[in-house]
N, C-alpha and C. Protein backbone atom coordinates (compact mmCIF):
# COMPACT_ATOMS: atom_id res chain seq x y z
N UNK A 1 13.64 15.54 6.24
CA UNK A 1 13.19 14.61 5.38
C UNK A 1 14.26 13.45 5.20
N UNK A 2 14.00 12.27 5.00
CA UNK A 2 15.01 11.62 4.53
C UNK A 2 14.24 10.78 3.74
N UNK A 3 14.55 9.85 2.71
CA UNK A 3 14.58 8.99 1.39
C UNK A 3 14.82 8.04 1.79
N UNK A 4 14.37 6.58 1.80
CA UNK A 4 15.17 5.60 2.12
C UNK A 4 15.59 4.84 0.88
N UNK A 5 17.68 5.23 1.24
CA UNK A 5 18.77 4.39 0.59
C UNK A 5 17.96 3.25 -0.48
N UNK A 6 17.35 2.43 0.05
CA UNK A 6 17.00 1.20 0.01
C UNK A 6 16.27 1.63 -1.80
N UNK A 7 15.42 2.70 -1.62
CA UNK A 7 14.63 3.38 -2.77
C UNK A 7 15.12 4.37 -3.97
N UNK A 8 16.53 4.32 -3.63
CA UNK A 8 17.26 5.41 -4.43
C UNK A 8 17.72 4.67 -6.01
N UNK A 9 17.46 5.19 -6.60
CA UNK A 9 18.34 4.67 -8.03
C UNK A 9 17.01 3.39 -8.81
N UNK A 10 17.45 2.95 -10.08
CA UNK A 10 16.71 1.96 -10.57
C UNK A 10 16.26 0.53 -9.50
N UNK A 11 14.99 0.21 -9.26
CA UNK A 11 14.87 -0.49 -8.76
C UNK A 11 13.67 -1.13 -9.56
N UNK A 12 13.95 -2.74 -9.80
CA UNK A 12 13.04 -3.83 -10.22
C UNK A 12 12.39 -4.77 -9.45
N UNK A 13 10.70 -4.52 -9.78
CA UNK A 13 9.88 -4.93 -8.95
C UNK A 13 9.19 -5.29 -9.52
N UNK A 14 8.13 -6.51 -9.56
CA UNK A 14 6.97 -7.12 -9.93
C UNK A 14 5.65 -6.29 -9.48
N UNK A 15 5.89 -5.96 -8.37
CA UNK A 15 4.82 -5.43 -8.00
C UNK A 15 5.20 -4.17 -6.62
N UNK A 16 4.30 -2.87 -7.24
CA UNK A 16 4.64 -2.13 -5.65
C UNK A 16 3.53 -1.89 -5.02
N UNK A 17 3.34 -2.07 -3.89
CA UNK A 17 2.11 -1.89 -2.87
C UNK A 17 2.62 -0.41 -2.04
N UNK A 18 1.85 0.27 -2.23
CA UNK A 18 1.77 1.52 -2.03
C UNK A 18 0.59 1.59 -0.50
N UNK A 19 1.36 1.59 0.87
CA UNK A 19 0.62 1.82 1.99
C UNK A 19 0.90 3.43 2.36
N UNK A 20 -0.54 3.61 3.07
CA UNK A 20 -0.17 5.07 4.28
C UNK A 20 0.63 4.64 5.50
N UNK A 21 1.21 5.42 6.09
CA UNK A 21 1.12 5.46 7.73
C UNK A 21 -0.04 5.16 8.48
N UNK A 22 0.26 4.84 9.49
CA UNK A 22 -0.90 4.88 10.39
C UNK A 22 -0.97 5.86 11.74
N UNK A 23 -1.93 6.77 11.93
CA UNK A 23 -1.78 7.63 12.75
C UNK A 23 -1.68 7.20 14.50
N UNK A 24 -1.91 5.91 14.79
CA UNK A 24 -1.16 5.03 15.40
C UNK A 24 -0.31 4.92 15.64
N UNK A 25 1.09 4.72 16.44
CA UNK A 25 2.13 4.40 16.47
C UNK A 25 2.67 3.49 17.87
N UNK A 26 3.69 3.04 17.62
CA UNK A 26 4.41 2.17 18.96
C UNK A 26 4.88 2.95 19.68
N UNK A 27 5.59 3.15 21.37
CA UNK A 27 5.85 4.32 21.63
C UNK A 27 7.80 4.66 20.99
N UNK A 28 8.35 3.24 21.09
CA UNK A 28 9.79 3.43 20.58
C UNK A 28 10.01 3.43 19.32
N UNK A 29 10.88 3.95 18.90
CA UNK A 29 11.66 3.98 17.56
C UNK A 29 12.02 1.99 17.44
N UNK A 30 11.75 1.85 15.95
CA UNK A 30 11.79 0.51 15.31
C UNK A 30 11.95 0.71 13.84
N UNK A 31 11.82 -0.38 12.91
CA UNK A 31 11.29 -0.80 11.69
C UNK A 31 9.86 0.11 11.75
N UNK A 32 9.87 0.87 10.52
CA UNK A 32 8.70 1.47 9.86
C UNK A 32 7.45 0.44 10.39
N UNK A 33 7.46 -1.04 9.76
CA UNK A 33 6.47 -1.94 9.84
C UNK A 33 6.07 -2.45 10.91
N UNK A 34 7.00 -1.98 12.02
CA UNK A 34 6.31 -2.25 13.38
C UNK A 34 6.00 -0.73 14.26
N UNK A 35 6.85 0.02 13.88
CA UNK A 35 6.43 1.80 14.66
C UNK A 35 4.86 1.75 14.30
N UNK A 36 4.40 1.68 13.08
CA UNK A 36 3.19 1.78 12.71
C UNK A 36 2.26 0.90 12.89
N UNK A 37 1.07 0.84 14.28
CA UNK A 37 0.39 0.05 14.75
C UNK A 37 -0.80 0.06 14.22
N UNK A 38 -1.47 0.60 13.45
CA UNK A 38 -2.90 1.04 13.29
C UNK A 38 -3.69 -0.18 12.67
N UNK A 39 -4.87 0.15 12.47
CA UNK A 39 -5.89 -1.18 12.15
C UNK A 39 -5.08 -1.57 10.73
N UNK A 40 -4.25 -0.74 9.42
CA UNK A 40 -4.22 -1.29 8.72
C UNK A 40 -2.86 -2.18 8.84
N UNK A 41 -1.97 -2.08 9.56
CA UNK A 41 -0.90 -2.64 9.92
C UNK A 41 -1.13 -4.03 10.80
N UNK A 42 -2.17 -3.83 11.77
CA UNK A 42 -2.77 -4.56 12.24
C UNK A 42 -3.26 -6.13 11.38
N UNK A 43 -4.31 -5.74 10.40
CA UNK A 43 -4.54 -6.27 9.25
C UNK A 43 -3.67 -7.14 8.48
N UNK A 44 -2.06 -6.54 8.39
CA UNK A 44 -0.79 -6.99 7.29
C UNK A 44 -0.23 -8.22 8.04
N UNK A 45 0.06 -7.41 9.87
CA UNK A 45 0.05 -8.49 10.53
C UNK A 45 1.57 -9.04 10.41
N UNK A 46 2.50 -8.17 10.09
CA UNK A 46 3.83 -8.44 9.90
C UNK A 46 4.41 -9.59 10.59
N UNK A 47 4.62 -9.59 12.42
CA UNK A 47 5.20 -10.61 13.26
C UNK A 47 4.89 -12.07 12.63
N UNK A 48 3.48 -11.85 12.09
CA UNK A 48 3.21 -13.68 11.82
C UNK A 48 3.48 -14.18 10.00
N UNK A 49 4.28 -12.94 9.51
CA UNK A 49 3.97 -13.66 7.89
C UNK A 49 5.18 -14.44 8.04
N UNK A 50 5.48 -15.15 7.26
CA UNK A 50 6.41 -16.11 7.01
C UNK A 50 7.67 -15.06 6.68
N UNK A 51 9.14 -15.67 6.81
CA UNK A 51 10.34 -14.93 6.08
C UNK A 51 10.11 -14.74 4.50
N UNK A 52 9.87 -15.35 3.91
CA UNK A 52 9.64 -15.12 2.25
C UNK A 52 8.90 -14.01 2.28
N UNK A 53 7.65 -13.95 3.15
CA UNK A 53 6.92 -12.92 2.79
C UNK A 53 7.28 -11.84 3.30
N UNK A 54 7.88 -11.63 4.45
CA UNK A 54 8.17 -10.53 4.90
C UNK A 54 9.68 -10.12 4.05
N UNK A 55 10.09 -10.74 3.55
CA UNK A 55 11.25 -10.55 2.24
C UNK A 55 10.61 -9.72 1.07
N UNK A 56 9.32 -10.81 0.81
CA UNK A 56 8.58 -9.56 -0.30
C UNK A 56 8.06 -8.57 0.19
N UNK A 57 7.67 -8.28 1.41
CA UNK A 57 7.53 -7.06 1.66
C UNK A 57 8.22 -6.11 1.60
N UNK A 58 9.53 -5.99 1.68
CA UNK A 58 10.65 -5.28 2.26
C UNK A 58 10.97 -4.97 0.77
N UNK A 59 10.76 -5.90 -0.43
CA UNK A 59 10.94 -5.57 -1.80
C UNK A 59 9.65 -4.65 -2.30
N UNK A 60 8.82 -5.55 -1.91
CA UNK A 60 7.74 -4.63 -2.68
C UNK A 60 6.85 -3.56 -1.96
N UNK A 61 6.89 -3.06 -0.82
CA UNK A 61 5.97 -2.31 0.03
C UNK A 61 7.17 -0.92 -0.04
N UNK A 62 6.01 -0.01 -0.52
CA UNK A 62 6.36 1.70 -0.06
C UNK A 62 5.32 2.40 0.60
N UNK A 63 5.91 2.45 2.19
CA UNK A 63 4.82 3.15 2.85
C UNK A 63 5.21 4.61 2.56
N UNK A 64 4.22 5.62 2.11
CA UNK A 64 4.50 6.63 2.31
C UNK A 64 4.12 7.69 3.72
N UNK A 65 5.40 8.10 4.30
CA UNK A 65 5.34 9.17 5.52
C UNK A 65 5.20 10.50 5.51
N UNK A 66 4.55 10.87 6.33
CA UNK A 66 4.70 12.53 6.36
C UNK A 66 5.21 12.90 6.74
N UNK A 67 6.69 12.30 7.82
CA UNK A 67 7.87 12.72 8.18
C UNK A 67 9.00 12.51 7.25
N UNK A 68 8.96 11.01 6.82
CA UNK A 68 9.92 10.62 6.37
C UNK A 68 10.52 9.99 4.71
N UNK A 69 9.07 10.61 4.33
CA UNK A 69 8.69 10.62 2.41
C UNK A 69 8.74 8.99 2.41
N UNK A 70 9.30 8.12 2.01
CA UNK A 70 9.29 6.82 1.06
C UNK A 70 10.08 5.87 1.97
N UNK A 71 8.99 5.44 2.45
CA UNK A 71 9.64 3.86 3.11
C UNK A 71 9.73 2.79 2.92
N UNK A 72 10.91 1.69 3.12
CA UNK A 72 11.04 0.19 2.80
C UNK A 72 10.28 -0.15 4.34
N UNK A 73 9.82 -1.54 4.34
CA UNK A 73 9.39 -1.82 5.70
C UNK A 73 10.70 -1.73 6.69
N UNK A 74 11.77 -1.98 6.89
CA UNK A 74 12.48 -2.39 7.72
C UNK A 74 13.39 -1.10 8.11
N UNK A 75 13.21 0.22 7.07
CA UNK A 75 14.09 1.12 7.67
C UNK A 75 13.06 1.92 8.91
N UNK A 76 14.52 2.13 10.09
CA UNK A 76 14.13 2.87 10.96
C UNK A 76 14.14 4.26 10.91
N UNK A 77 12.43 4.27 12.08
CA UNK A 77 12.29 5.77 12.38
C UNK A 77 11.64 5.43 13.52
N UNK A 78 11.22 7.16 13.80
CA UNK A 78 11.21 7.65 15.02
C UNK A 78 9.55 7.50 15.36
N UNK A 79 8.89 7.19 16.29
CA UNK A 79 7.51 7.63 16.51
C UNK A 79 7.18 9.37 16.16
N UNK A 80 6.16 9.42 15.43
CA UNK A 80 6.01 11.39 15.43
C UNK A 80 4.43 11.60 14.88
N UNK A 81 3.78 12.58 15.14
CA UNK A 81 2.76 13.08 15.11
C UNK A 81 3.05 14.24 13.91
N UNK A 82 3.01 14.18 12.65
CA UNK A 82 3.08 14.62 11.64
C UNK A 82 2.04 14.75 10.48
N UNK A 83 1.35 15.78 9.99
CA UNK A 83 0.45 15.37 8.62
C UNK A 83 1.28 15.79 7.91
N UNK A 84 0.68 15.12 6.84
CA UNK A 84 1.44 15.47 5.50
C UNK A 84 1.53 16.81 4.73
N UNK A 85 2.16 17.23 4.12
CA UNK A 85 2.40 18.83 3.42
C UNK A 85 2.61 17.95 1.94
N UNK A 86 1.54 17.93 1.14
CA UNK A 86 1.65 17.29 0.14
C UNK A 86 2.55 18.13 -0.86
N UNK A 87 2.71 19.40 -0.76
CA UNK A 87 3.32 20.66 -1.84
C UNK A 87 4.92 20.21 -1.69
N UNK A 88 5.09 19.81 -0.26
CA UNK A 88 6.62 20.18 0.19
C UNK A 88 7.31 18.20 -0.05
N UNK A 89 6.55 17.20 -0.27
CA UNK A 89 6.54 15.66 -0.42
C UNK A 89 6.78 15.18 -1.41
N UNK A 90 6.04 16.38 -2.18
CA UNK A 90 5.66 15.58 -3.85
C UNK A 90 6.94 15.21 -4.62
N UNK A 91 7.83 16.33 -4.92
CA UNK A 91 9.17 16.19 -5.03
C UNK A 91 10.03 14.96 -4.87
N UNK A 92 10.32 15.00 -3.19
CA UNK A 92 11.18 13.58 -3.08
C UNK A 92 10.52 12.22 -3.21
N UNK A 93 9.15 12.23 -3.19
CA UNK A 93 8.44 11.05 -2.77
C UNK A 93 8.59 10.66 -4.65
N UNK A 94 7.90 11.75 -5.49
CA UNK A 94 8.10 11.39 -6.91
C UNK A 94 9.32 11.10 -7.44
N UNK A 95 10.43 11.73 -7.00
CA UNK A 95 11.60 10.70 -7.14
C UNK A 95 12.14 9.55 -7.04
N UNK A 96 11.50 9.19 -5.75
CA UNK A 96 11.78 8.05 -5.19
C UNK A 96 11.03 6.72 -6.31
N UNK A 97 9.44 7.28 -5.76
CA UNK A 97 8.87 5.99 -6.74
C UNK A 97 8.71 5.78 -8.27
N UNK A 98 9.44 7.27 -9.03
CA UNK A 98 9.36 7.10 -10.28
C UNK A 98 10.36 6.43 -10.92
N UNK A 99 11.58 6.42 -9.98
CA UNK A 99 12.59 5.35 -10.57
C UNK A 99 12.56 3.87 -10.20
N UNK A 100 11.48 3.24 -9.74
CA UNK A 100 11.16 2.01 -9.48
C UNK A 100 10.36 0.96 -10.77
N UNK A 101 11.16 0.40 -11.46
CA UNK A 101 10.32 0.07 -12.48
C UNK A 101 9.70 -1.40 -11.78
N UNK A 102 8.16 -1.22 -12.23
CA UNK A 102 7.56 -2.24 -11.81
C UNK A 102 6.57 -2.56 -12.70
N UNK A 103 6.18 -3.37 -13.24
CA UNK A 103 4.50 -4.20 -13.50
C UNK A 103 3.27 -3.74 -12.91
N UNK A 104 3.30 -3.68 -11.70
CA UNK A 104 1.91 -3.36 -11.22
C UNK A 104 1.97 -2.40 -10.18
N UNK A 105 1.48 -1.05 -10.15
CA UNK A 105 1.00 -0.66 -8.51
C UNK A 105 0.16 -1.02 -7.78
N UNK A 106 0.10 -1.55 -7.09
CA UNK A 106 -1.39 -1.71 -5.98
C UNK A 106 -1.42 -0.57 -4.89
N UNK A 107 -2.23 0.48 -5.03
CA UNK A 107 -2.68 1.75 -4.44
C UNK A 107 -3.48 1.37 -3.21
N UNK A 108 -2.77 1.23 -2.22
CA UNK A 108 -4.00 0.60 -0.38
C UNK A 108 -3.63 2.36 -0.15
N UNK A 109 -3.26 3.44 -0.75
CA UNK A 109 -3.11 4.87 0.21
C UNK A 109 -4.54 5.29 0.41
N UNK A 110 -4.65 6.07 1.79
CA UNK A 110 -6.13 7.17 1.48
C UNK A 110 -5.80 8.09 0.44
N UNK A 111 -6.85 8.57 0.08
CA UNK A 111 -6.86 10.10 -0.68
C UNK A 111 -5.75 11.07 -0.01
N UNK A 112 -5.32 11.22 1.00
CA UNK A 112 -4.47 12.25 1.50
C UNK A 112 -3.45 12.09 0.83
N UNK A 113 -2.63 10.75 0.93
CA UNK A 113 -1.55 10.19 1.01
C UNK A 113 -1.34 10.45 -1.00
N UNK A 114 -2.32 10.13 -1.28
CA UNK A 114 -2.52 9.62 -2.82
C UNK A 114 -2.16 11.15 -3.69
N UNK A 115 -2.14 12.34 -3.14
CA UNK A 115 -1.88 13.20 -3.74
C UNK A 115 -0.86 13.74 -3.84
N UNK A 116 0.32 12.72 -3.52
CA UNK A 116 1.73 13.09 -3.40
C UNK A 116 2.56 12.38 -4.56
N UNK A 117 1.63 11.30 -5.04
CA UNK A 117 2.58 10.66 -5.98
C UNK A 117 1.02 10.17 -7.10
N UNK A 118 1.26 10.19 -8.59
CA UNK A 118 0.19 9.44 -8.85
C UNK A 118 0.73 7.96 -10.15
N UNK A 119 1.03 7.39 -9.89
CA UNK A 119 1.27 5.94 -10.57
C UNK A 119 0.55 6.18 -12.09
N UNK A 120 1.15 5.59 -12.80
CA UNK A 120 0.97 5.51 -13.95
C UNK A 120 -0.78 4.52 -14.45
N UNK A 121 -1.66 5.61 -14.53
CA UNK A 121 -2.62 5.10 -14.65
C UNK A 121 -2.60 3.54 -15.31
N UNK A 122 -2.23 3.26 -16.03
CA UNK A 122 -2.34 1.95 -17.09
C UNK A 122 -1.91 0.61 -16.31
N UNK A 123 -1.10 0.74 -15.28
CA UNK A 123 -0.45 -0.54 -14.52
C UNK A 123 -0.86 -0.03 -12.93
N UNK A 124 -1.87 0.81 -12.32
CA UNK A 124 -1.97 1.25 -11.10
C UNK A 124 -3.62 0.56 -10.97
N UNK A 125 -3.82 -0.28 -9.60
CA UNK A 125 -5.13 -0.77 -9.39
C UNK A 125 -5.05 0.01 -7.97
N UNK A 126 -6.00 1.01 -7.58
CA UNK A 126 -6.55 1.19 -6.52
C UNK A 126 -7.52 0.43 -6.00
N UNK A 127 -7.36 0.34 -4.49
CA UNK A 127 -7.95 -0.85 -3.60
C UNK A 127 -8.64 0.20 -3.44
N UNK A 128 -10.22 -0.30 -3.25
CA UNK A 128 -11.39 0.46 -3.07
C UNK A 128 -12.23 -0.73 -1.66
N UNK A 129 -12.80 -0.05 -0.51
CA UNK A 129 -13.14 -1.18 0.16
C UNK A 129 -14.57 -0.83 0.56
N UNK A 130 -15.52 -1.55 0.45
CA UNK A 130 -17.17 -1.46 0.79
C UNK A 130 -17.31 -2.54 1.44
N UNK A 131 -18.75 -2.36 2.20
CA UNK A 131 -19.58 -3.14 3.03
C UNK A 131 -20.57 -3.56 2.18
N UNK A 132 -21.33 -4.82 2.14
CA UNK A 132 -22.11 -5.45 1.87
C UNK A 132 -23.97 -5.47 2.49
N UNK A 133 -24.59 -4.44 1.99
CA UNK A 133 -25.53 -4.50 2.96
C UNK A 133 -27.01 -4.82 2.47
N UNK A 134 -27.52 -6.21 2.46
CA UNK A 134 -29.08 -6.37 1.98
C UNK A 134 -28.14 -6.35 0.03
N UNK A 135 -27.51 -6.75 -0.14
CA UNK A 135 -26.53 -6.48 -1.15
C UNK A 135 -26.21 -5.32 -2.35
N UNK A 136 -26.18 -4.09 -1.42
CA UNK A 136 -26.32 -3.25 -1.74
C UNK A 136 -24.90 -2.43 -1.09
N UNK A 137 -23.71 -2.37 -2.07
CA UNK A 137 -22.52 -1.65 -1.51
C UNK A 137 -22.60 -0.64 -0.95
N UNK A 138 -21.97 -0.14 0.12
CA UNK A 138 -22.11 1.15 1.40
C UNK A 138 -20.57 1.26 1.12
N UNK A 139 -20.16 2.61 1.08
CA UNK A 139 -18.21 3.01 1.59
C UNK A 139 -18.09 3.05 3.05
N UNK A 140 -16.84 2.12 3.12
CA UNK A 140 -16.69 2.17 4.98
C UNK A 140 -15.18 2.79 4.31
N UNK A 141 -14.97 3.82 6.01
CA UNK A 141 -13.58 4.34 5.91
C UNK A 141 -12.72 4.07 6.91
N UNK A 142 -13.06 3.90 8.16
CA UNK A 142 -12.18 3.23 9.36
C UNK A 142 -11.34 1.86 8.92
N UNK A 143 -12.47 0.83 8.83
CA UNK A 143 -12.44 -0.42 8.73
C UNK A 143 -11.86 -0.84 7.39
N UNK A 144 -12.15 0.05 6.41
CA UNK A 144 -11.31 0.01 4.93
C UNK A 144 -10.00 -0.07 5.33
N UNK A 145 -9.48 0.30 6.06
CA UNK A 145 -8.16 -0.13 6.42
C UNK A 145 -7.52 -1.32 6.99
N UNK A 146 -8.40 -1.84 7.40
CA UNK A 146 -8.02 -3.36 8.24
C UNK A 146 -8.01 -4.33 6.95
N UNK A 147 -9.31 -4.08 6.04
CA UNK A 147 -9.61 -4.75 4.83
C UNK A 147 -8.05 -4.10 4.15
N UNK A 148 -7.46 -3.39 3.81
CA UNK A 148 -6.40 -2.80 2.72
C UNK A 148 -5.13 -3.72 3.37
N UNK A 149 -5.24 -3.95 4.67
CA UNK A 149 -3.97 -4.35 5.48
C UNK A 149 -3.95 -6.26 4.96
N UNK A 150 -5.73 -6.46 4.83
CA UNK A 150 -5.52 -7.95 4.72
C UNK A 150 -5.37 -8.31 3.32
N UNK A 151 -5.55 -7.44 2.31
CA UNK A 151 -5.48 -7.04 0.93
C UNK A 151 -4.09 -7.80 0.64
N UNK A 152 -3.14 -6.77 1.37
CA UNK A 152 -1.57 -7.04 1.31
C UNK A 152 -0.84 -7.89 1.73
N UNK A 153 -1.56 -8.53 2.97
CA UNK A 153 -1.22 -9.69 3.69
C UNK A 153 -1.35 -11.00 2.28
N UNK A 154 -2.29 -11.15 1.74
CA UNK A 154 -2.64 -11.93 1.15
C UNK A 154 -1.74 -11.90 -0.30
N UNK A 155 -1.31 -10.92 -0.66
CA UNK A 155 -0.24 -10.67 -1.95
C UNK A 155 0.80 -11.24 -1.16
N UNK A 156 1.09 -10.95 -0.49
CA UNK A 156 2.66 -11.33 0.26
C UNK A 156 2.50 -12.83 0.70
N UNK A 157 1.52 -13.20 1.01
CA UNK A 157 1.80 -14.78 1.50
C UNK A 157 1.47 -15.54 -0.19
N UNK A 158 1.05 -14.74 -1.09
CA UNK A 158 0.63 -15.31 -2.28
C UNK A 158 1.65 -16.75 -2.94
N UNK A 159 1.21 -17.54 -3.90
CA UNK A 159 2.64 -18.07 -4.33
C UNK A 159 2.62 -17.43 -5.43
N UNK A 160 1.59 -16.96 -6.15
CA UNK A 160 1.68 -15.94 -7.39
C UNK A 160 2.16 -14.51 -7.23
N UNK A 161 3.31 -14.12 -7.81
CA UNK A 161 2.88 -12.46 -7.31
C UNK A 161 2.79 -11.67 -8.80
N UNK A 162 1.27 -11.01 -8.77
CA UNK A 162 0.69 -10.54 -9.56
C UNK A 162 1.22 -9.38 -10.75
N UNK A 163 1.16 -9.79 -11.71
CA UNK A 163 1.78 -8.29 -12.87
C UNK A 163 1.05 -7.78 -13.22
N UNK A 164 -0.56 -7.65 -13.17
CA UNK A 164 -0.98 -7.45 -14.17
C UNK A 164 -2.40 -7.26 -13.82
N UNK A 165 -3.27 -6.32 -13.34
CA UNK A 165 -4.60 -6.11 -12.66
C UNK A 165 -5.62 -7.72 -12.47
N UNK A 166 -5.37 -8.09 -13.64
CA UNK A 166 -6.08 -9.33 -14.10
C UNK A 166 -5.40 -10.35 -12.81
N UNK A 167 -4.44 -10.69 -12.70
CA UNK A 167 -3.86 -11.63 -11.92
C UNK A 167 -4.21 -11.06 -10.73
N UNK A 168 -4.01 -9.67 -10.12
CA UNK A 168 -4.14 -9.46 -8.85
C UNK A 168 -5.82 -9.75 -8.52
N UNK A 169 -6.75 -9.23 -9.31
CA UNK A 169 -8.15 -9.37 -8.76
C UNK A 169 -8.28 -11.13 -8.84
N UNK A 170 -7.23 -11.64 -9.30
CA UNK A 170 -7.58 -13.27 -9.24
C UNK A 170 -6.87 -13.84 -7.59
N UNK A 171 -6.18 -13.17 -7.58
CA UNK A 171 -5.43 -13.69 -6.03
C UNK A 171 -6.68 -13.16 -4.89
N UNK A 172 -6.73 -12.03 -5.16
CA UNK A 172 -7.84 -11.43 -4.05
C UNK A 172 -9.28 -11.80 -4.09
N UNK A 173 -9.42 -12.63 -5.31
CA UNK A 173 -10.86 -13.12 -5.00
C UNK A 173 -11.15 -14.62 -4.59
N UNK A 174 -9.65 -14.93 -3.83
CA UNK A 174 -9.54 -16.28 -3.42
C UNK A 174 -10.39 -16.09 -2.30
N UNK A 175 -9.92 -14.85 -1.65
CA UNK A 175 -10.53 -14.55 -0.02
C UNK A 175 -11.97 -13.62 -0.04
N UNK A 176 -11.85 -12.60 -0.68
CA UNK A 176 -12.62 -11.61 -0.84
C UNK A 176 -13.81 -11.61 -2.03
N UNK A 177 -14.74 -11.31 -1.93
CA UNK A 177 -15.71 -10.56 -2.56
C UNK A 177 -14.67 -9.72 -3.64
N UNK A 178 -14.35 -9.12 -4.83
CA UNK A 178 -14.10 -8.31 -5.51
C UNK A 178 -14.58 -8.19 -6.76
N UNK A 179 -14.51 -7.12 -7.21
CA UNK A 179 -14.65 -6.53 -8.77
C UNK A 179 -13.99 -5.53 -9.97
N UNK A 180 -13.43 -6.36 -10.45
CA UNK A 180 -12.07 -4.93 -11.25
C UNK A 180 -12.64 -4.48 -11.69
N UNK A 181 -12.66 -3.04 -12.14
CA UNK A 181 -13.06 -2.01 -12.88
C UNK A 181 -11.97 -1.17 -13.98
N UNK A 182 -11.79 -1.30 -15.26
CA UNK A 182 -10.59 -1.14 -16.09
C UNK A 182 -10.44 0.42 -15.95
N UNK A 183 -9.20 0.87 -16.23
CA UNK A 183 -8.29 2.13 -16.15
C UNK A 183 -9.18 2.84 -17.42
N UNK A 184 -9.25 3.97 -17.01
CA UNK A 184 -10.32 5.20 -18.03
C UNK A 184 -9.34 6.34 -17.99
N UNK A 185 -9.23 7.23 -19.34
CA UNK A 185 -8.55 8.00 -19.78
C UNK A 185 -6.87 8.28 -18.37
N UNK A 186 -7.15 9.10 -17.81
CA UNK A 186 -5.86 9.34 -16.62
C UNK A 186 -6.39 8.40 -15.37
N UNK A 187 -6.95 7.92 -15.19
CA UNK A 187 -7.73 7.23 -13.81
C UNK A 187 -6.84 5.52 -13.71
N UNK A 188 -6.79 5.46 -12.61
CA UNK A 188 -6.27 3.89 -12.75
C UNK A 188 -7.41 3.10 -12.67
N UNK A 189 -6.48 1.68 -12.80
CA UNK A 189 -7.75 0.78 -12.33
C UNK A 189 -8.47 0.72 -11.15
N UNK A 190 -9.66 -0.13 -11.35
CA UNK A 190 -9.95 -0.05 -9.39
C UNK A 190 -10.23 -1.32 -9.09
N UNK A 191 -10.13 -2.10 -7.73
CA UNK A 191 -10.63 -2.88 -7.66
C UNK A 191 -10.92 -2.97 -6.29
N UNK A 192 -12.90 -3.16 -6.44
CA UNK A 192 -13.69 -2.86 -5.23
C UNK A 192 -13.60 -4.10 -4.58
N UNK A 193 -13.40 -4.10 -2.74
CA UNK A 193 -13.23 -5.24 -2.37
C UNK A 193 -14.15 -4.97 -1.13
N UNK A 194 -14.74 -6.09 -1.11
CA UNK A 194 -16.30 -6.28 -0.01
C UNK A 194 -15.44 -6.91 0.99
N UNK A 195 -15.61 -5.74 2.44
CA UNK A 195 -14.93 -6.15 3.73
C UNK A 195 -15.59 -7.74 4.28
N UNK A 196 -14.57 -8.36 4.74
CA UNK A 196 -15.37 -9.32 5.63
C UNK A 196 -16.21 -8.90 7.09
């Protein structure tokens, strides 16, 4: 396991976006953001982002990998098949992510990958995705990844970089129906987003 050199040492970033890897991967090695090809990464649409948005992604995104630990978008990786060993990865990933100084953590990880690091609840917003059928919210799983990718894309292209949960909700509400729930005790903020 390796840790991205770009993530070692104190780093200042207004927002930190946490992404899971995808099970679906390209056949050839390359930058992490292009090796992961699942629905979240299709929704993010790296190839069609502006150069400025790609630069923001490189500074703001941490991809939590079962094999490589915490990755930046352009870190070179090989395709792999591996399930996360939370006990083994928790220490290295915590060391990297704790060193990042940020105003806001936007958590787009699945529960499996959330177990390796807990962001400070007061400045973390977990993105939860639902569908709405006849006015009733329903939990969705697979397609929630696509929506998390689309939310990430929106943040990368936004003129405003959010520094708090309210600003985040304001940006996301320009394209999605959503509702923000305040942090409680040791639980992070939650932004419930309705898939399109």
